[in-house]
Amino acid sequence: MSLVKVFAQVAICLLLAACGAGTQSEYDSYPGSAPGDKRVGTTGRSQTIADQKKEGTLFGPDGFNFLGGDESKNQGNGTGIGVNSFLWRASLDTLSFMPLNSADPFGGVIITDWYSPPETPNERFKITGYILGTALRSDAIKVSVFRQVRVGTDQWADAVVEPSTITAMEDSILTRARQLRIDSATAQ
């Protein structure tokens, strides 16, 4: 049994040594080693790195993207977050006046902590924002507003929230998201 182990180790060493065998000039012409490096492409002619990118790769001209397809590029999503980036940023901007409790960019959930406006210290609000999709649409954002009023010393009771408050908050986020999208289009 030890003879098989020795043979396997020698085979692995030879395989690894074969991977590294090459002359220094081969490594100098490796794509990406320095700007303007040249290599011989599949067409048999010398190519720069830019020519190589035009030729394509095994996974296509854009490479292998397992976190999202072309639709995410068209709608302003990066691969960093799992929701529409304009809605995400607009939600954070709109809710920035409240203390932030939790923010999950992959799930698209923003939860604020309780906030009492200086004008009305006997009531407080908490907001949860949900980004439901990758498209910049009105049905891709949902806001829940919770309101409490003081009923005693350090005691709070739930109170009704006007539906117009929720609609106004969602509209404010959508307006800000549209502004961010327009700003990013003009910046390019």
Protein backbone atom coordinates (compact mmCIF):
# COMPACT_ATOMS: atom_id res chain seq x y z
CA MET A 1 0.00 0.00 0.00
CA SER A 2 2.87 2.39 0.71
CA LEU A 3 4.20 1.85 -2.82
CA VAL A 4 0.89 3.18 -4.21
CA LYS A 5 1.12 6.25 -1.96
CA VAL A 6 4.70 6.93 -3.08
CA PHE A 7 3.71 6.52 -6.73
CA ALA A 8 0.74 8.91 -6.27
CA GLN A 9 2.96 11.53 -4.60
CA VAL A 10 5.55 11.31 -7.38
CA ALA A 11 2.82 11.62 -10.01
CA ILE A 12 1.41 14.72 -8.32
CA CYS A 13 4.88 16.28 -8.07
CA LEU A 14 5.54 15.62 -11.75
CA LEU A 15 2.16 17.05 -12.70
CA LEU A 16 2.79 20.21 -10.70
CA ALA A 17 6.30 20.55 -12.11
CA ALA A 18 4.93 20.23 -15.63
CA CYS A 19 2.48 23.06 -14.96
CA GLY A 20 5.33 25.34 -14.03
CA ALA A 21 7.72 24.37 -16.80
CA GLY A 22 8.38 27.25 -19.14
CA THR A 23 10.92 29.80 -20.12
CA GLN A 24 11.08 33.30 -18.81
CA SER A 25 10.08 34.73 -22.19
CA GLU A 26 6.80 32.79 -22.05
CA TYR A 27 5.94 34.45 -18.74
CA ASP A 28 6.88 37.88 -20.05
CA SER A 29 4.25 37.61 -22.78
CA TYR A 30 1.52 36.36 -20.45
CA PRO A 31 -1.62 38.52 -20.83
CA GLY A 32 -1.95 41.02 -18.04
CA SER A 33 1.70 40.95 -16.97
CA ALA A 34 2.31 44.50 -18.21
CA PRO A 35 0.46 47.07 -20.32
CA GLY A 36 0.92 46.53 -24.04
CA ASP A 37 2.06 42.91 -23.67
CA LYS A 38 1.47 40.83 -26.70
CA ARG A 39 0.57 37.18 -27.12
CA VAL A 40 -0.29 34.93 -29.99
CA GLY A 41 -4.06 34.48 -30.24
CA THR A 42 -6.18 31.78 -31.81
CA THR A 43 -5.89 33.60 -35.13
CA GLY A 44 -2.13 33.02 -35.14
CA ARG A 45 -1.25 36.70 -34.96
CA SER A 46 0.21 38.74 -32.12
CA GLN A 47 -2.48 40.35 -29.93
CA THR A 48 -2.63 42.97 -27.23
CA ILE A 49 -4.78 42.48 -24.13
CA ALA A 50 -7.47 44.69 -25.70
CA ASP A 51 -7.50 42.45 -28.79
CA GLN A 52 -7.80 39.41 -26.57
CA LYS A 53 -10.86 40.87 -24.81
CA LYS A 54 -12.51 41.56 -28.16
CA GLU A 55 -11.89 37.96 -29.19
CA GLY A 56 -13.83 36.65 -26.20
CA THR A 57 -13.36 34.04 -23.55
CA LEU A 58 -14.65 30.63 -22.66
CA PHE A 59 -17.70 32.14 -20.92
CA GLY A 60 -18.42 34.87 -23.49
CA PRO A 61 -17.35 38.49 -23.80
CA ASP A 62 -18.72 39.48 -20.37
CA GLY A 63 -17.24 36.52 -18.52
CA PHE A 64 -19.05 34.27 -16.07
CA ASN A 65 -21.51 36.12 -13.84
CA PHE A 66 -23.29 33.88 -11.37
CA LEU A 67 -24.87 36.72 -9.36
CA GLY A 68 -27.03 38.23 -12.10
CA GLY A 69 -27.61 38.48 -15.80
CA ASP A 70 -27.94 41.29 -18.31
CA GLU A 71 -31.18 42.56 -16.79
CA SER A 72 -29.35 43.58 -13.64
CA LYS A 73 -26.92 45.70 -15.70
CA ASN A 74 -29.76 47.49 -17.47
CA GLN A 75 -31.57 48.40 -14.27
CA GLY A 76 -28.72 49.85 -12.27
CA ASN A 77 -27.91 46.83 -10.13
CA GLY A 78 -24.40 45.86 -9.29
CA THR A 79 -23.50 42.46 -8.03
CA GLY A 80 -22.89 43.97 -4.58
CA ILE A 81 -26.54 44.06 -3.52
CA GLY A 82 -29.51 41.92 -4.43
CA VAL A 83 -32.06 44.69 -5.00
CA ASN A 84 -32.43 47.77 -7.18
CA SER A 85 -29.54 50.03 -6.22
CA PHE A 86 -31.48 53.23 -6.90
CA LEU A 87 -34.35 52.17 -4.62
CA TRP A 88 -31.88 51.03 -1.97
CA ARG A 89 -29.98 54.31 -1.93
CA ALA A 90 -33.18 56.36 -2.11
CA SER A 91 -34.63 54.46 0.85
CA LEU A 92 -31.51 55.11 2.91
CA ASP A 93 -31.53 58.79 1.91
CA THR A 94 -35.24 59.26 2.67
CA LEU A 95 -35.06 57.52 6.05
CA SER A 96 -31.78 59.16 7.07
CA PHE A 97 -33.52 61.48 9.55
CA MET A 98 -34.34 58.43 11.71
CA PRO A 99 -31.82 56.27 13.58
CA LEU A 100 -31.04 53.13 11.59
CA ASN A 101 -31.49 49.81 13.40
CA SER A 102 -30.81 47.31 10.61
CA ALA A 103 -30.09 47.33 6.87
CA ASP A 104 -29.90 44.19 4.72
CA PRO A 105 -28.96 45.02 1.11
CA PHE A 106 -29.28 41.41 -0.03
CA GLY A 107 -32.78 40.95 1.37
CA GLY A 108 -33.79 44.54 0.71
CA VAL A 109 -34.93 45.35 4.25
CA ILE A 110 -34.29 48.59 6.16
CA ILE A 111 -35.48 48.88 9.75
CA THR A 112 -35.24 52.10 11.70
CA ASP A 113 -35.26 52.52 15.45
CA TRP A 114 -37.96 54.48 17.26
CA TYR A 115 -37.87 58.20 16.54
CA SER A 116 -39.70 61.00 18.35
CA PRO A 117 -39.98 64.24 16.39
CA PRO A 118 -38.90 67.29 18.41
CA GLU A 119 -42.30 68.93 17.73
CA THR A 120 -44.24 66.01 19.26
CA PRO A 121 -42.20 64.28 21.98
CA ASN A 122 -45.22 62.26 23.15
CA GLU A 123 -45.35 60.17 19.99
CA ARG A 124 -42.78 58.08 18.21
CA PHE A 125 -42.42 56.33 14.87
CA LYS A 126 -40.64 53.30 13.51
CA ILE A 127 -40.38 52.51 9.78
CA THR A 128 -39.60 49.30 7.95
CA GLY A 129 -38.85 49.56 4.24
CA TYR A 130 -38.95 46.55 1.92
CA ILE A 131 -37.46 46.58 -1.57
CA LEU A 132 -39.31 43.79 -3.34
CA GLY A 133 -37.65 43.68 -6.74
CA THR A 134 -34.82 44.66 -9.00
CA ALA A 135 -36.90 46.98 -11.19
CA LEU A 136 -37.39 50.67 -10.51
CA ARG A 137 -41.18 50.46 -10.23
CA SER A 138 -43.76 51.58 -7.72
CA ASP A 139 -44.63 48.01 -6.72
CA ALA A 140 -40.97 47.28 -5.88
CA ILE A 141 -41.10 49.30 -2.64
CA LYS A 142 -43.26 48.73 0.44
CA VAL A 143 -43.12 50.81 3.59
CA SER A 144 -44.60 49.95 6.97
CA VAL A 145 -44.95 52.75 9.51
CA PHE A 146 -45.54 52.07 13.19
CA ARG A 147 -46.71 54.79 15.55
CA GLN A 148 -46.95 54.86 19.32
CA VAL A 149 -48.18 57.50 21.75
CA ARG A 150 -47.09 57.99 25.34
CA VAL A 151 -49.72 56.88 27.86
CA GLY A 152 -47.65 57.15 31.00
CA THR A 153 -44.14 57.39 32.24
CA ASP A 154 -42.07 55.13 29.96
CA GLN A 155 -45.21 53.46 28.62
CA TRP A 156 -46.24 53.54 24.99
CA ALA A 157 -49.41 52.39 23.27
CA ASP A 158 -49.85 51.59 19.58
CA ALA A 159 -51.70 54.21 17.56
CA VAL A 160 -53.24 54.34 14.11
CA VAL A 161 -51.13 55.52 11.17
CA GLU A 162 -52.86 57.37 8.37
CA PRO A 163 -52.61 55.48 5.05
CA SER A 164 -51.61 58.73 3.37
CA THR A 165 -48.43 58.76 5.52
CA ILE A 166 -47.36 55.40 4.09
CA THR A 167 -48.18 56.48 0.53
CA ALA A 168 -46.28 59.75 0.98
CA MET A 169 -43.23 57.89 2.27
CA GLU A 170 -43.26 55.44 -0.67
CA ASP A 171 -43.71 58.32 -3.14
CA SER A 172 -40.81 60.17 -1.56
CA ILE A 173 -38.54 57.13 -1.95
CA LEU A 174 -39.60 56.61 -5.57
CA THR A 175 -39.03 60.27 -6.41
CA ARG A 176 -35.55 60.16 -4.89
CA ALA A 177 -34.77 56.89 -6.76
CA ARG A 178 -35.77 58.49 -10.06
CA GLN A 179 -33.54 61.48 -9.30
CA LEU A 180 -30.62 59.16 -8.56
CA ARG A 181 -31.21 57.28 -11.83
CA ILE A 182 -31.33 60.50 -13.84
CA ASP A 183 -28.16 61.77 -12.10
CA SER A 184 -26.31 58.54 -12.90
CA ALA A 185 -27.38 58.69 -16.57
CA THR A 186 -26.17 62.27 -16.97
CA ALA A 187 -22.89 61.50 -15.18
CA GLN A 188 -21.98 58.93 -17.80
